[in-house]
């Protein structure tokens, strides 16, 4: 079994450029990267965080491009 690289919430918040409070909120509402609770301590597996980032990737739409460059449609 591969030993996971576990990150503290502050490290994940920094990676995602969000406040740590946002991660707490996400845990409460069931969104964001998977997490584990070990003896009362929250940790995130690096591979789960990277997967979350990849799954959140979006391709730009034509509408977004037009709105960004030419104003409203």
Protein backbone atom coordinates (compact mmCIF):
# COMPACT_ATOMS: atom_id res chain seq x y z
CA UNK A 1 0.00 0.00 0.00
CA UNK A 2 1.29 3.43 -0.95
CA UNK A 3 1.67 5.79 2.01
CA UNK A 4 -0.37 8.94 1.30
CA UNK A 5 1.12 12.41 1.59
CA UNK A 6 -1.23 14.04 4.11
CA UNK A 7 -1.61 17.81 4.20
CA UNK A 8 -2.94 20.10 6.91
CA UNK A 9 -5.94 22.28 6.04
CA UNK A 10 -3.76 25.40 6.00
CA UNK A 11 -1.50 23.84 3.37
CA UNK A 12 -4.48 22.92 1.20
CA UNK A 13 -6.01 26.38 1.61
CA UNK A 14 -2.73 27.90 0.44
CA UNK A 15 -2.57 25.53 -2.55
CA UNK A 16 -6.10 26.50 -3.58
CA UNK A 17 -5.65 30.21 -2.75
CA UNK A 18 -8.68 30.22 -0.46
CA UNK A 19 -9.18 30.94 3.25
CA UNK A 20 -9.00 27.96 5.62
CA UNK A 21 -12.54 28.87 6.70
CA UNK A 22 -13.73 28.03 3.18
CA UNK A 23 -12.36 24.50 3.58
CA UNK A 24 -14.24 24.18 6.90
CA UNK A 25 -17.43 25.30 5.20
CA UNK A 26 -16.90 22.90 2.30
CA UNK A 27 -16.48 20.00 4.74
CA UNK A 28 -19.78 20.95 6.42
CA UNK A 29 -21.73 21.09 3.15
CA UNK A 30 -20.01 18.11 1.51
CA UNK A 31 -18.08 19.77 -1.30
CA UNK A 32 -14.39 20.22 -2.04
CA UNK A 33 -11.63 17.65 -1.90
CA UNK A 34 -12.02 14.44 0.11
CA UNK A 35 -10.58 14.59 3.62
CA UNK A 36 -9.84 12.27 6.50
CA UNK A 37 -10.18 12.71 10.24
CA UNK A 38 -7.44 10.99 12.23
CA UNK A 39 -7.86 11.14 16.00
CA UNK A 40 -9.71 14.45 15.68
CA UNK A 41 -7.24 15.97 13.22
CA UNK A 42 -8.32 16.88 9.68
CA UNK A 43 -5.93 15.93 6.88
CA UNK A 44 -6.13 15.93 3.09
CA UNK A 45 -4.41 13.37 0.89
CA UNK A 46 -2.36 15.24 -1.71
CA UNK A 47 -3.62 12.91 -4.45
CA UNK A 48 -7.25 13.78 -3.53
CA UNK A 49 -6.49 17.51 -3.67
CA UNK A 50 -4.81 17.16 -7.06
CA UNK A 51 -7.75 15.07 -8.32
CA UNK A 52 -10.19 17.75 -7.07
CA UNK A 53 -8.26 20.41 -8.97
CA UNK A 54 -8.23 18.33 -12.15
CA UNK A 55 -11.95 17.49 -11.90
CA UNK A 56 -12.70 21.20 -11.42
CA UNK A 57 -10.94 22.14 -14.64
CA UNK A 58 -13.28 23.77 -17.15
CA UNK A 59 -12.89 24.61 -20.81
CA UNK A 60 -13.78 28.15 -21.73
CA UNK A 61 -17.10 28.56 -23.47
CA UNK A 62 -17.72 30.68 -26.53
CA UNK A 63 -20.06 32.89 -24.50
CA UNK A 64 -17.43 33.49 -21.80
CA UNK A 65 -14.88 34.41 -24.46
CA UNK A 66 -17.25 36.88 -26.15
CA UNK A 67 -18.29 38.45 -22.85
CA UNK A 68 -14.69 38.81 -21.74
CA UNK A 69 -13.46 40.35 -24.97
CA UNK A 70 -16.45 42.14 -26.52
CA UNK A 71 -18.88 42.79 -23.68
CA UNK A 72 -22.33 41.23 -23.29
CA UNK A 73 -23.81 39.14 -26.07
